[in-house]
Amino acid sequence: MKRLLPRLAATAVLALASTLPLRAADVATGTGAVLRALDKLNGTVEDIELPAGGEARFGKLRIELRECRYPEGNPAGDAFAFLTLTGAGHERPDFRGWMIASAPALNALDHHRYDVWVLRCTTR
């Protein structure tokens, strides 16, 4: 019985904690982002710094950055950026959405030649 009471108490605390609303992490918006791009055919790798609202080209891929966010007080932390990536001659984007620096495969560009991922947000 003595062993059962601490376990029941711990279970009750965990059950109560799981019903409390989760607080969203405080995030800040960067002035831009640093991305890394890879051309899989010729092995070219390039770091690209883009301002928010800016665009760049890497080979035949057009890269547009709408916004970059990061944990408040930690710009080198887990950045996530909203990107639109469009291949030459394509009317619709090959990728449009949020990419997360710590988990690039979670929402990745699916392109036969290029790979792009977020490194960090910029704050200047």
PDB file of N, CA and C in Angstrom:
ATOM      1  N   MET A   1       0.812  -1.187   0.000  1.00  0.00           N
ATOM      2  CA  MET A   1       0.000   0.000   0.000  1.00  0.00           C
ATOM      3  C   MET A   1       0.867   1.266   0.000  1.00  0.00           C
ATOM      4  N   LYS A   2       2.005   1.222   0.741  1.00  0.00           N
ATOM      5  CA  LYS A   2       2.876   2.390   0.811  1.00  0.00           C
ATOM      6  C   LYS A   2       3.470   2.718  -0.554  1.00  0.00           C
ATOM      7  N   ARG A   3       3.716   1.716  -1.379  1.00  0.00           N
ATOM      8  CA  ARG A   3       4.281   1.928  -2.707  1.00  0.00           C
ATOM      9  C   ARG A   3       3.219   2.430  -3.682  1.00  0.00           C
ATOM     10  N   LEU A   4       2.002   2.067  -3.448  1.00  0.00           N
ATOM     11  CA  LEU A   4       0.920   2.419  -4.355  1.00  0.00           C
ATOM     12  C   LEU A   4       0.551   3.898  -4.264  1.00  0.00           C
ATOM     13  N   LEU A   5       0.579   4.478  -3.090  1.00  0.00           N
ATOM     14  CA  LEU A   5       0.181   5.878  -2.919  1.00  0.00           C
ATOM     15  C   LEU A   5       1.076   6.851  -3.706  1.00  0.00           C
ATOM     16  N   PRO A   6       2.399   6.743  -3.666  1.00  0.00           N
ATOM     17  CA  PRO A   6       3.223   7.662  -4.467  1.00  0.00           C
ATOM     18  C   PRO A   6       2.960   7.510  -5.965  1.00  0.00           C
ATOM     19  N   ARG A   7       2.727   6.297  -6.412  1.00  0.00           N
ATOM     20  CA  ARG A   7       2.441   6.082  -7.835  1.00  0.00           C
ATOM     21  C   ARG A   7       1.110   6.704  -8.220  1.00  0.00           C
ATOM     22  N   LEU A   8       0.099   6.551  -7.372  1.00  0.00           N
ATOM     23  CA  LEU A   8      -1.200   7.162  -7.650  1.00  0.00           C
ATOM     24  C   LEU A   8      -1.090   8.685  -7.655  1.00  0.00           C
ATOM     25  N   ALA A   9      -0.333   9.234  -6.729  1.00  0.00           N
ATOM     26  CA  ALA A   9      -0.146  10.682  -6.670  1.00  0.00           C
ATOM     27  C   ALA A   9       0.567  11.178  -7.921  1.00  0.00           C
ATOM     28  N   ALA A  10       1.608  10.480  -8.353  1.00  0.00           N
ATOM     29  CA  ALA A  10       2.340  10.861  -9.552  1.00  0.00           C
ATOM     30  C   ALA A  10       1.434  10.773 -10.778  1.00  0.00           C
ATOM     31  N   THR A  11       0.630   9.744 -10.856  1.00  0.00           N
ATOM     32  CA  THR A  11      -0.298   9.584 -11.979  1.00  0.00           C
ATOM     33  C   THR A  11      -1.314  10.717 -11.991  1.00  0.00           C
ATOM     34  N   ALA A  12      -1.814  11.087 -10.834  1.00  0.00           N
ATOM     35  CA  ALA A  12      -2.791  12.182 -10.747  1.00  0.00           C
ATOM     36  C   ALA A  12      -2.171  13.502 -11.176  1.00  0.00           C
ATOM     37  N   VAL A  13      -0.933  13.765 -10.767  1.00  0.00           N
ATOM     38  CA  VAL A  13      -0.252  15.006 -11.148  1.00  0.00           C
ATOM     39  C   VAL A  13      -0.041  15.042 -12.663  1.00  0.00           C
ATOM     40  N   LEU A  14       0.407  13.939 -13.250  1.00  0.00           N
ATOM     41  CA  LEU A  14       0.606  13.887 -14.696  1.00  0.00           C
ATOM     42  C   LEU A  14      -0.702  14.064 -15.440  1.00  0.00           C
ATOM     43  N   ALA A  15      -1.772  13.454 -14.968  1.00  0.00           N
ATOM     44  CA  ALA A  15      -3.072  13.589 -15.612  1.00  0.00           C
ATOM     45  C   ALA A  15      -3.551  15.036 -15.565  1.00  0.00           C
ATOM     46  N   LEU A  16      -3.375  15.687 -14.437  1.00  0.00           N
ATOM     47  CA  LEU A  16      -3.772  17.083 -14.304  1.00  0.00           C
ATOM     48  C   LEU A  16      -2.922  17.981 -15.196  1.00  0.00           C
ATOM     49  N   ALA A  17      -1.633  17.737 -15.234  1.00  0.00           N
ATOM     50  CA  ALA A  17      -0.735  18.556 -16.052  1.00  0.00           C
ATOM     51  C   ALA A  17      -1.060  18.420 -17.536  1.00  0.00           C
ATOM     52  N   SER A  18      -1.504  17.249 -17.960  1.00  0.00           N
ATOM     53  CA  SER A  18      -1.799  17.050 -19.372  1.00  0.00           C
ATOM     54  C   SER A  18      -3.066  17.778 -19.803  1.00  0.00           C
ATOM     55  N   THR A  19      -3.904  18.202 -18.864  1.00  0.00           N
ATOM     56  CA  THR A  19      -5.125  18.922 -19.213  1.00  0.00           C
ATOM     57  C   THR A  19      -4.919  20.423 -19.248  1.00  0.00           C
ATOM     58  N   LEU A  20      -3.783  20.930 -18.765  1.00  0.00           N
ATOM     59  CA  LEU A  20      -3.513  22.356 -18.767  1.00  0.00           C
ATOM     60  C   LEU A  20      -3.145  22.802 -20.172  1.00  0.00           C
ATOM     61  N   PRO A  21      -3.546  24.008 -20.574  1.00  0.00           N
ATOM     62  CA  PRO A  21      -3.187  24.478 -21.912  1.00  0.00           C
ATOM     63  C   PRO A  21      -1.680  24.708 -22.010  1.00  0.00           C
ATOM     64  N   LEU A  22      -1.141  24.373 -23.170  1.00  0.00           N
ATOM     65  CA  LEU A  22       0.283  24.590 -23.401  1.00  0.00           C
ATOM     66  C   LEU A  22       0.513  26.030 -23.829  1.00  0.00           C
ATOM     67  N   ARG A  23       1.559  26.650 -23.337  1.00  0.00           N
ATOM     68  CA  ARG A  23       1.906  28.014 -23.697  1.00  0.00           C
ATOM     69  C   ARG A  23       2.808  27.980 -24.916  1.00  0.00           C
ATOM     70  N   ALA A  24       2.448  28.723 -25.927  1.00  0.00           N
ATOM     71  CA  ALA A  24       3.271  28.777 -27.133  1.00  0.00           C
ATOM     72  C   ALA A  24       4.602  29.441 -26.800  1.00  0.00           C
ATOM     73  N   ALA A  25       5.637  28.964 -27.428  1.00  0.00           N
ATOM     74  CA  ALA A  25       6.960  29.553 -27.206  1.00  0.00           C
ATOM     75  C   ALA A  25       6.971  30.982 -27.738  1.00  0.00           C
ATOM     76  N   ASP A  26       7.670  31.855 -27.029  1.00  0.00           N
ATOM     77  CA  ASP A  26       7.798  33.232 -27.486  1.00  0.00           C
ATOM     78  C   ASP A  26       8.765  33.252 -28.659  1.00  0.00           C
ATOM     79  N   VAL A  27       8.307  33.829 -29.759  1.00  0.00           N
ATOM     80  CA  VAL A  27       9.140  33.880 -30.953  1.00  0.00           C
ATOM     81  C   VAL A  27       9.333  35.324 -31.389  1.00  0.00           C
ATOM     82  N   ALA A  28      10.427  35.555 -32.075  1.00  0.00           N
ATOM     83  CA  ALA A  28      10.730  36.857 -32.646  1.00  0.00           C
ATOM     84  C   ALA A  28      10.882  36.679 -34.153  1.00  0.00           C
ATOM     85  N   THR A  29      10.684  37.754 -34.863  1.00  0.00           N
ATOM     86  CA  THR A  29      10.803  37.718 -36.320  1.00  0.00           C
ATOM     87  C   THR A  29      12.133  38.314 -36.726  1.00  0.00           C
ATOM     88  N   GLY A  30      12.863  37.584 -37.552  1.00  0.00           N
ATOM     89  CA  GLY A  30      14.160  38.055 -38.028  1.00  0.00           C
ATOM     90  C   GLY A  30      14.013  38.987 -39.215  1.00  0.00           C
ATOM     91  N   THR A  31      15.092  39.640 -39.570  1.00  0.00           N
ATOM     92  CA  THR A  31      15.101  40.526 -40.733  1.00  0.00           C
ATOM     93  C   THR A  31      15.332  39.753 -42.022  1.00  0.00           C
ATOM     94  N   GLY A  32      15.726  38.507 -41.892  1.00  0.00           N
ATOM     95  CA  GLY A  32      16.003  37.674 -43.052  1.00  0.00           C
ATOM     96  C   GLY A  32      16.434  36.295 -42.586  1.00  0.00           C
ATOM     97  N   ALA A  33      17.052  35.540 -43.499  1.00  0.00           N
ATOM     98  CA  ALA A  33      17.486  34.188 -43.165  1.00  0.00           C
ATOM     99  C   ALA A  33      18.733  33.819 -43.941  1.00  0.00           C
ATOM    100  N   VAL A  34      19.457  32.846 -43.405  1.00  0.00           N
ATOM    101  CA  VAL A  34      20.576  32.229 -44.104  1.00  0.00           C
ATOM    102  C   VAL A  34      20.139  30.817 -44.450  1.00  0.00           C
ATOM    103  N   LEU A  35      20.191  30.499 -45.744  1.00  0.00           N
ATOM    104  CA  LEU A  35      19.795  29.190 -46.255  1.00  0.00           C
ATOM    105  C   LEU A  35      21.020  28.516 -46.846  1.00  0.00           C
ATOM    106  N   ARG A  36      20.979  27.215 -46.920  1.00  0.00           N
ATOM    107  CA  ARG A  36      22.031  26.472 -47.616  1.00  0.00           C
ATOM    108  C   ARG A  36      21.372  25.737 -48.771  1.00  0.00           C
ATOM    109  N   ALA A  37      21.982  25.851 -49.947  1.00  0.00           N
ATOM    110  CA  ALA A  37      21.454  25.212 -51.148  1.00  0.00           C
ATOM    111  C   ALA A  37      22.491  24.246 -51.709  1.00  0.00           C
ATOM    112  N   LEU A  38      22.012  23.122 -52.197  1.00  0.00           N
ATOM    113  CA  LEU A  38      22.862  22.071 -52.759  1.00  0.00           C
ATOM    114  C   LEU A  38      22.372  21.716 -54.150  1.00  0.00           C
ATOM    115  N   ASP A  39      23.294  21.707 -55.118  1.00  0.00           N
ATOM    116  CA  ASP A  39      23.015  21.182 -56.450  1.00  0.00           C
ATOM    117  C   ASP A  39      23.511  19.744 -56.435  1.00  0.00           C
ATOM    118  N   LYS A  40      22.591  18.798 -56.477  1.00  0.00           N
ATOM    119  CA  LYS A  40      22.942  17.381 -56.343  1.00  0.00           C
ATOM    120  C   LYS A  40      23.703  16.842 -57.550  1.00  0.00           C
ATOM    121  N   LEU A  41      23.563  17.480 -58.710  1.00  0.00           N
ATOM    122  CA  LEU A  41      24.239  16.968 -59.906  1.00  0.00           C
ATOM    123  C   LEU A  41      25.715  17.318 -59.952  1.00  0.00           C
ATOM    124  N   ASN A  42      26.062  18.559 -59.589  1.00  0.00           N
ATOM    125  CA  ASN A  42      27.476  18.931 -59.673  1.00  0.00           C
ATOM    126  C   ASN A  42      28.129  19.151 -58.312  1.00  0.00           C
ATOM    127  N   GLY A  43      27.380  18.936 -57.232  1.00  0.00           N
ATOM    128  CA  GLY A  43      27.952  19.022 -55.892  1.00  0.00           C
ATOM    129  C   GLY A  43      28.194  20.428 -55.381  1.00  0.00           C
ATOM    130  N   THR A  44      27.629  21.427 -56.030  1.00  0.00           N
ATOM    131  CA  THR A  44      27.793  22.810 -55.601  1.00  0.00           C
ATOM    132  C   THR A  44      26.957  23.081 -54.358  1.00  0.00           C
ATOM    133  N   VAL A  45      27.592  23.688 -53.344  1.00  0.00           N
ATOM    134  CA  VAL A  45      26.897  24.086 -52.124  1.00  0.00           C
ATOM    135  C   VAL A  45      27.103  25.580 -51.937  1.00  0.00           C
ATOM    136  N   GLU A  46      26.028  26.285 -51.589  1.00  0.00           N
ATOM    137  CA  GLU A  46      26.129  27.730 -51.411  1.00  0.00           C
ATOM    138  C   GLU A  46      25.252  28.169 -50.246  1.00  0.00           C
ATOM    139  N   ASP A  47      25.799  29.038 -49.393  1.00  0.00           N
ATOM    140  CA  ASP A  47      25.000  29.669 -48.347  1.00  0.00           C
ATOM    141  C   ASP A  47      24.436  30.955 -48.920  1.00  0.00           C
ATOM    142  N   ILE A  48      23.136  31.134 -48.763  1.00  0.00           N
ATOM    143  CA  ILE A  48      22.432  32.270 -49.339  1.00  0.00           C
ATOM    144  C   ILE A  48      21.804  33.079 -48.210  1.00  0.00           C
ATOM    145  N   GLU A  49      22.139  34.365 -48.146  1.00  0.00           N
ATOM    146  CA  GLU A  49      21.523  35.245 -47.151  1.00  0.00           C
ATOM    147  C   GLU A  49      20.472  36.082 -47.856  1.00  0.00           C
ATOM    148  N   LEU A  50      19.237  35.986 -47.375  1.00  0.00           N
ATOM    149  CA  LEU A  50      18.109  36.686 -47.979  1.00  0.00           C
ATOM    150  C   LEU A  50      17.423  37.581 -46.960  1.00  0.00           C
ATOM    151  N   PRO A  51      17.008  38.783 -47.370  1.00  0.00           N
ATOM    152  CA  PRO A  51      16.168  39.588 -46.484  1.00  0.00           C
ATOM    153  C   PRO A  51      14.731  39.071 -46.555  1.00  0.00           C
ATOM    154  N   ALA A  52      13.953  39.341 -45.526  1.00  0.00           N
ATOM    155  CA  ALA A  52      12.532  38.980 -45.564  1.00  0.00           C
ATOM    156  C   ALA A  52      11.891  39.700 -46.743  1.00  0.00           C
ATOM    157  N   GLY A  53      11.138  38.972 -47.539  1.00  0.00           N
ATOM    158  CA  GLY A  53      10.516  39.537 -48.732  1.00  0.00           C
ATOM    159  C   GLY A  53      11.423  39.495 -49.952  1.00  0.00           C
ATOM    160  N   GLY A  54      12.634  38.995 -49.796  1.00  0.00           N
ATOM    161  CA  GLY A  54      13.601  38.975 -50.893  1.00  0.00           C
ATOM    162  C   GLY A  54      13.590  37.658 -51.645  1.00  0.00           C
ATOM    163  N   GLU A  55      14.321  37.651 -52.733  1.00  0.00           N
ATOM    164  CA  GLU A  55      14.450  36.423 -53.521  1.00  0.00           C
ATOM    165  C   GLU A  55      15.858  36.300 -54.074  1.00  0.00           C
ATOM    166  N   ALA A  56      16.220  35.072 -54.392  1.00  0.00           N
ATOM    167  CA  ALA A  56      17.535  34.778 -54.954  1.00  0.00           C
ATOM    168  C   ALA A  56      17.386  33.616 -55.925  1.00  0.00           C
ATOM    169  N   ARG A  57      18.418  33.408 -56.706  1.00  0.00           N
ATOM    170  CA  ARG A  57      18.452  32.262 -57.629  1.00  0.00           C
ATOM    171  C   ARG A  57      19.630  31.378 -57.256  1.00  0.00           C
ATOM    172  N   PHE A  58      19.390  30.091 -57.357  1.00  0.00           N
ATOM    173  CA  PHE A  58      20.445  29.102 -57.201  1.00  0.00           C
ATOM    174  C   PHE A  58      20.273  28.148 -58.363  1.00  0.00           C
ATOM    175  N   GLY A  59      21.177  28.242 -59.340  1.00  0.00           N
ATOM    176  CA  GLY A  59      20.994  27.467 -60.564  1.00  0.00           C
ATOM    177  C   GLY A  59      19.693  27.892 -61.220  1.00  0.00           C
ATOM    178  N   LYS A  60      18.823  26.930 -61.481  1.00  0.00           N
ATOM    179  CA  LYS A  60      17.529  27.225 -62.108  1.00  0.00           C
ATOM    180  C   LYS A  60      16.389  27.280 -61.094  1.00  0.00           C
ATOM    181  N   LEU A  61      16.748  27.428 -59.845  1.00  0.00           N
ATOM    182  CA  LEU A  61      15.754  27.464 -58.775  1.00  0.00           C
ATOM    183  C   LEU A  61      15.617  28.896 -58.248  1.00  0.00           C
ATOM    184  N   ARG A  62      14.383  29.378 -58.180  1.00  0.00           N
ATOM    185  CA  ARG A  62      14.111  30.691 -57.595  1.00  0.00           C
ATOM    186  C   ARG A  62      13.671  30.481 -56.150  1.00  0.00           C
ATOM    187  N   ILE A  63      14.333  31.190 -55.234  1.00  0.00           N
ATOM    188  CA  ILE A  63      14.080  31.045 -53.798  1.00  0.00           C
ATOM    189  C   ILE A  63      13.515  32.361 -53.273  1.00  0.00           C
ATOM    190  N   GLU A  64      12.333  32.306 -52.667  1.00  0.00           N
ATOM    191  CA  GLU A  64      11.713  33.494 -52.079  1.00  0.00           C
ATOM    192  C   GLU A  64      11.519  33.264 -50.578  1.00  0.00           C
ATOM    193  N   LEU A  65      11.925  34.245 -49.790  1.00  0.00           N
ATOM    194  CA  LEU A  65      11.747  34.184 -48.345  1.00  0.00           C
ATOM    195  C   LEU A  65      10.677  35.179 -47.938  1.00  0.00           C
ATOM    196  N   ARG A  66       9.627  34.694 -47.309  1.00  0.00           N
ATOM    197  CA  ARG A  66       8.596  35.606 -46.823  1.00  0.00           C
ATOM    198  C   ARG A  66       8.908  36.067 -45.400  1.00  0.00           C
ATOM    199  N   GLU A  67       9.328  35.116 -44.538  1.00  0.00           N
ATOM    200  CA  GLU A  67       9.522  35.454 -43.132  1.00  0.00           C
ATOM    201  C   GLU A  67      10.405  34.406 -42.474  1.00  0.00           C
ATOM    202  N   CYS A  68      11.149  34.826 -41.460  1.00  0.00           N
ATOM    203  CA  CYS A  68      11.946  33.907 -40.646  1.00  0.00           C
ATOM    204  C   CYS A  68      11.678  34.212 -39.182  1.00  0.00           C
ATOM    205  N   ARG A  69      11.414  33.183 -38.396  1.00  0.00           N
ATOM    206  CA  ARG A  69      11.147  33.338 -36.960  1.00  0.00           C
ATOM    207  C   ARG A  69      12.105  32.457 -36.171  1.00  0.00           C
ATOM    208  N   TYR A  70      12.337  32.867 -34.916  1.00  0.00           N
ATOM    209  CA  TYR A  70      13.260  32.130 -34.055  1.00  0.00           C
ATOM    210  C   TYR A  70      12.837  32.318 -32.603  1.00  0.00           C
ATOM    211  N   PRO A  71      13.303  31.447 -31.702  1.00  0.00           N
ATOM    212  CA  PRO A  71      12.966  31.613 -30.288  1.00  0.00           C
ATOM    213  C   PRO A  71      13.487  32.956 -29.777  1.00  0.00           C
ATOM    214  N   GLU A  72      12.633  33.703 -29.107  1.00  0.00           N
ATOM    215  CA  GLU A  72      13.007  35.028 -28.624  1.00  0.00           C
ATOM    216  C   GLU A  72      14.276  34.957 -27.773  1.00  0.00           C
ATOM    217  N   GLY A  73      15.214  35.837 -28.069  1.00  0.00           N
ATOM    218  CA  GLY A  73      16.467  35.885 -27.324  1.00  0.00           C
ATOM    219  C   GLY A  73      17.506  34.892 -27.805  1.00  0.00           C
ATOM    220  N   ASN A  74      17.210  34.118 -28.852  1.00  0.00           N
ATOM    221  CA  ASN A  74      18.145  33.111 -29.340  1.00  0.00           C
ATOM    222  C   ASN A  74      18.082  33.031 -30.866  1.00  0.00           C
ATOM    223  N   PRO A  75      18.602  34.038 -31.585  1.00  0.00           N
ATOM    224  CA  PRO A  75      18.507  34.030 -33.041  1.00  0.00           C
ATOM    225  C   PRO A  75      19.238  32.872 -33.705  1.00  0.00           C
ATOM    226  N   ALA A  76      20.205  32.288 -33.005  1.00  0.00           N
ATOM    227  CA  ALA A  76      20.908  31.130 -33.563  1.00  0.00           C
ATOM    228  C   ALA A  76      20.161  29.837 -33.226  1.00  0.00           C
ATOM    229  N   GLY A  77      19.035  29.968 -32.543  1.00  0.00           N
ATOM    230  CA  GLY A  77      18.257  28.794 -32.121  1.00  0.00           C
ATOM    231  C   GLY A  77      17.480  28.181 -33.264  1.00  0.00           C
ATOM    232  N   ASP A  78      16.432  27.520 -32.925  1.00  0.00           N
ATOM    233  CA  ASP A  78      15.646  26.735 -33.872  1.00  0.00           C
ATOM    234  C   ASP A  78      14.827  27.626 -34.800  1.00  0.00           C
ATOM    235  N   ALA A  79      15.445  28.093 -35.869  1.00  0.00           N
ATOM    236  CA  ALA A  79      14.782  28.980 -36.824  1.00  0.00           C
ATOM    237  C   ALA A  79      13.780  28.210 -37.676  1.00  0.00           C
ATOM    238  N   PHE A  80      12.737  28.921 -38.091  1.00  0.00           N
ATOM    239  CA  PHE A  80      11.823  28.369 -39.083  1.00  0.00           C
ATOM    240  C   PHE A  80      11.442  29.479 -40.046  1.00  0.00           C
ATOM    241  N   ALA A  81      11.475  29.163 -41.337  1.00  0.00           N
ATOM    242  CA  ALA A  81      11.291  30.172 -42.376  1.00  0.00           C
ATOM    243  C   ALA A  81      10.207  29.738 -43.352  1.00  0.00           C
ATOM    244  N   PHE A  82       9.442  30.727 -43.823  1.00  0.00           N
ATOM    245  CA  PHE A  82       8.432  30.463 -44.840  1.00  0.00           C
ATOM    246  C   PHE A  82       9.064  30.739 -46.197  1.00  0.00           C
ATOM    247  N   LEU A  83       9.173  29.695 -47.017  1.00  0.00           N
ATOM    248  CA  LEU A  83       9.851  29.773 -48.306  1.00  0.00           C
ATOM    249  C   LEU A  83       8.929  29.369 -49.446  1.00  0.00           C
ATOM    250  N   THR A  84       9.196  29.953 -50.605  1.00  0.00           N
ATOM    251  CA  THR A  84       8.589  29.509 -51.858  1.00  0.00           C
ATOM    252  C   THR A  84       9.729  29.206 -52.806  1.00  0.00           C
ATOM    253  N   LEU A  85       9.797  27.969 -53.302  1.00  0.00           N
ATOM    254  CA  LEU A  85      10.869  27.527 -54.187  1.00  0.00           C
ATOM    255  C   LEU A  85      10.251  27.077 -55.501  1.00  0.00           C
ATOM    256  N   THR A  86      10.702  27.698 -56.608  1.00  0.00           N
ATOM    257  CA  THR A  86      10.119  27.418 -57.914  1.00  0.00           C
ATOM    258  C   THR A  86      11.221  27.122 -58.908  1.00  0.00           C
ATOM    259  N   GLY A  87      11.100  25.992 -59.596  1.00  0.00           N
ATOM    260  CA  GLY A  87      12.053  25.631 -60.633  1.00  0.00           C
ATOM    261  C   GLY A  87      11.769  26.376 -61.920  1.00  0.00           C
ATOM    262  N   ALA A  88      12.790  26.571 -62.754  1.00  0.00           N
ATOM    263  CA  ALA A  88      12.643  27.270 -64.033  1.00  0.00           C
ATOM    264  C   ALA A  88      11.607  26.561 -64.896  1.00  0.00           C
ATOM    265  N   GLY A  89      10.727  27.340 -65.483  1.00  0.00           N
ATOM    266  CA  GLY A  89       9.715  26.791 -66.368  1.00  0.00           C
ATOM    267  C   GLY A  89       8.507  26.207 -65.655  1.00  0.00           C
ATOM    268  N   HIS A  90       8.488  26.244 -64.352  1.00  0.00           N
ATOM    269  CA  HIS A  90       7.351  25.734 -63.597  1.00  0.00           C
ATOM    270  C   HIS A  90       6.412  26.877 -63.255  1.00  0.00           C
ATOM    271  N   GLU A  91       5.129  26.673 -63.490  1.00  0.00           N
ATOM    272  CA  GLU A  91       4.144  27.691 -63.133  1.00  0.00           C
ATOM    273  C   GLU A  91       3.852  27.663 -61.636  1.00  0.00           C
ATOM    274  N   ARG A  92       3.795  26.467 -61.081  1.00  0.00           N
ATOM    275  CA  ARG A  92       3.488  26.307 -59.661  1.00  0.00           C
ATOM    276  C   ARG A  92       4.781  26.046 -58.896  1.00  0.00           C
ATOM    277  N   PRO A  93       4.841  26.502 -57.642  1.00  0.00           N
ATOM    278  CA  PRO A  93       6.053  26.266 -56.845  1.00  0.00           C
ATOM    279  C   PRO A  93       6.292  24.779 -56.595  1.00  0.00           C
ATOM    280  N   ASP A  94       7.572  24.413 -56.520  1.00  0.00           N
ATOM    281  CA  ASP A  94       7.955  23.049 -56.142  1.00  0.00           C
ATOM    282  C   ASP A  94       7.817  22.871 -54.634  1.00  0.00           C
ATOM    283  N   PHE A  95       7.908  23.986 -53.913  1.00  0.00           N
ATOM    284  CA  PHE A  95       7.747  23.969 -52.456  1.00  0.00           C
ATOM    285  C   PHE A  95       7.218  25.321 -52.017  1.00  0.00           C
ATOM    286  N   ARG A  96       6.278  25.274 -51.082  1.00  0.00           N
ATOM    287  CA  ARG A  96       5.757  26.505 -50.474  1.00  0.00           C
ATOM    288  C   ARG A  96       5.326  26.145 -49.063  1.00  0.00           C
ATOM    289  N   GLY A  97       6.019  26.718 -48.066  1.00  0.00           N
ATOM    290  CA  GLY A  97       5.656  26.424 -46.689  1.00  0.00           C
ATOM    291  C   GLY A  97       6.787  26.734 -45.731  1.00  0.00           C
ATOM    292  N   TRP A  98       6.598  26.284 -44.501  1.00  0.00           N
ATOM    293  CA  TRP A  98       7.575  26.514 -43.439  1.00  0.00           C
ATOM    294  C   TRP A  98       8.623  25.410 -43.439  1.00  0.00           C
ATOM    295  N   MET A  99       9.890  25.798 -43.355  1.00  0.00           N
ATOM    296  CA  MET A  99      10.999  24.863 -43.154  1.00  0.00           C
ATOM    297  C   MET A  99      11.588  25.136 -41.789  1.00  0.00           C
ATOM    298  N   ILE A 100      11.928  24.083 -41.084  1.00  0.00           N
ATOM    299  CA  ILE A 100      12.454  24.190 -39.737  1.00  0.00           C
ATOM    300  C   ILE A 100      13.931  23.802 -39.750  1.00  0.00           C
ATOM    301  N   ALA A 101      14.767  24.666 -39.197  1.00  0.00           N
ATOM    302  CA  ALA A 101      16.219  24.446 -39.244  1.00  0.00           C
ATOM    303  C   ALA A 101      16.627  23.145 -38.568  1.00  0.00           C
ATOM    304  N   SER A 102      16.024  22.821 -37.436  1.00  0.00           N
ATOM    305  CA  SER A 102      16.445  21.630 -36.696  1.00  0.00           C
ATOM    306  C   SER A 102      15.878  20.341 -37.268  1.00  0.00           C
ATOM    307  N   ALA A 103      14.911  20.433 -38.163  1.00  0.00           N
ATOM    308  CA  ALA A 103      14.298  19.231 -38.749  1.00  0.00           C
ATOM    309  C   ALA A 103      13.987  19.483 -40.220  1.00  0.00           C
ATOM    310  N   PRO A 104      15.016  19.635 -41.067  1.00  0.00           N
ATOM    311  CA  PRO A 104      14.758  19.974 -42.468  1.00  0.00           C
ATOM    312  C   PRO A 104      13.961  18.913 -43.225  1.00  0.00           C
ATOM    313  N   ALA A 105      14.041  17.669 -42.809  1.00  0.00           N
ATOM    314  CA  ALA A 105      13.310  16.614 -43.508  1.00  0.00           C
ATOM    315  C   ALA A 105      11.822  16.594 -43.145  1.00  0.00           C
ATOM    316  N   LEU A 106      11.442  17.316 -42.104  1.00  0.00           N
ATOM    317  CA  LEU A 106      10.046  17.346 -41.675  1.00  0.00           C
ATOM    318  C   LEU A 106       9.151  17.934 -42.752  1.00  0.00           C
ATOM    319  N   ASN A 107       9.604  18.980 -43.409  1.00  0.00           N
ATOM    320  CA  ASN A 107       8.864  19.613 -44.494  1.00  0.00           C
ATOM    321  C   ASN A 107       9.905  20.066 -45.510  1.00  0.00           C
ATOM    322  N   ALA A 108      10.245  19.186 -46.426  1.00  0.00           N
ATOM    323  CA  ALA A 108      11.397  19.406 -47.301  1.00  0.00           C
ATOM    324  C   ALA A 108      10.994  19.645 -48.751  1.00  0.00           C
ATOM    325  N   LEU A 109      11.906  20.280 -49.480  1.00  0.00           N
ATOM    326  CA  LEU A 109      11.774  20.432 -50.921  1.00  0.00           C
ATOM    327  C   LEU A 109      11.974  19.060 -51.548  1.00  0.00           C
ATOM    328  N   ASP A 110      11.057  18.658 -52.425  1.00  0.00           N
ATOM    329  CA  ASP A 110      11.186  17.390 -53.143  1.00  0.00           C
ATOM    330  C   ASP A 110      11.541  17.720 -54.593  1.00  0.00           C
ATOM    331  N   HIS A 111      12.831  17.841 -54.870  1.00  0.00           N
ATOM    332  CA  HIS A 111      13.303  18.226 -56.195  1.00  0.00           C
ATOM    333  C   HIS A 111      14.404  17.271 -56.618  1.00  0.00           C
ATOM    334  N   HIS A 112      14.396  16.896 -57.882  1.00  0.00           N
ATOM    335  CA  HIS A 112      15.380  15.927 -58.372  1.00  0.00           C
ATOM    336  C   HIS A 112      16.808  16.463 -58.383  1.00  0.00           C
ATOM    337  N   ARG A 113      16.967  17.781 -58.484  1.00  0.00           N
ATOM    338  CA  ARG A 113      18.310  18.335 -58.597  1.00  0.00           C
ATOM    339  C   ARG A 113      18.758  19.156 -57.389  1.00  0.00           C
ATOM    340  N   TYR A 114      17.843  19.898 -56.769  1.00  0.00           N
ATOM    341  CA  TYR A 114      18.225  20.842 -55.726  1.00  0.00           C
ATOM    342  C   TYR A 114      17.705  20.442 -54.356  1.00  0.00           C
ATOM    343  N   ASP A 115      18.452  20.860 -53.355  1.00  0.00           N
ATOM    344  CA  ASP A 115      18.036  20.716 -51.965  1.00  0.00           C
ATOM    345  C   ASP A 115      18.318  22.053 -51.291  1.00  0.00           C
ATOM    346  N   VAL A 116      17.376  22.528 -50.479  1.00  0.00           N
ATOM    347  CA  VAL A 116      17.512  23.802 -49.775  1.00  0.00           C
ATOM    348  C   VAL A 116      17.067  23.592 -48.348  1.00  0.00           C
ATOM    349  N   TRP A 117      17.808  24.159 -47.394  1.00  0.00           N
ATOM    350  CA  TRP A 117      17.371  24.091 -46.008  1.00  0.00           C
ATOM    351  C   TRP A 117      17.772  25.364 -45.268  1.00  0.00           C
ATOM    352  N   VAL A 118      17.085  25.611 -44.155  1.00  0.00           N
ATOM    353  CA  VAL A 118      17.285  26.818 -43.346  1.00  0.00           C
ATOM    354  C   VAL A 118      18.423  26.574 -42.359  1.00  0.00           C
ATOM    355  N   LEU A 119      19.325  27.556 -42.228  1.00  0.00           N
ATOM    356  CA  LEU A 119      20.387  27.491 -41.223  1.00  0.00           C
ATOM    357  C   LEU A 119      20.024  28.326 -39.993  1.00  0.00           C
ATOM    358  N   ARG A 120      19.648  29.596 -40.225  1.00  0.00           N
ATOM    359  CA  ARG A 120      19.338  30.498 -39.115  1.00  0.00           C
ATOM    360  C   ARG A 120      18.669  31.751 -39.657  1.00  0.00           C
ATOM    361  N   CYS A 121      18.087  32.518 -38.733  1.00  0.00           N
ATOM    362  CA  CYS A 121      17.535  33.833 -39.067  1.00  0.00           C
ATOM    363  C   CYS A 121      18.626  34.883 -38.885  1.00  0.00           C
ATOM    364  N   THR A 122      18.476  35.993 -39.592  1.00  0.00           N
ATOM    365  CA  THR A 122      19.357  37.134 -39.382  1.00  0.00           C
ATOM    366  C   THR A 122      18.569  38.202 -38.614  1.00  0.00           C
ATOM    367  N   THR A 123      19.289  39.041 -37.877  1.00  0.00           N
ATOM    368  CA  THR A 123      18.618  40.044 -37.050  1.00  0.00           C
ATOM    369  C   THR A 123      19.107  41.465 -37.353  1.00  0.00           C
ATOM    370  N   ARG A 124      19.921  41.646 -38.312  1.00  0.00           N
ATOM    371  CA  ARG A 124      20.420  42.991 -38.628  1.00  0.00           C
ATOM    372  C   ARG A 124      19.939  43.439 -39.979  1.00  0.00           C
TER     373      ARG A 124
END
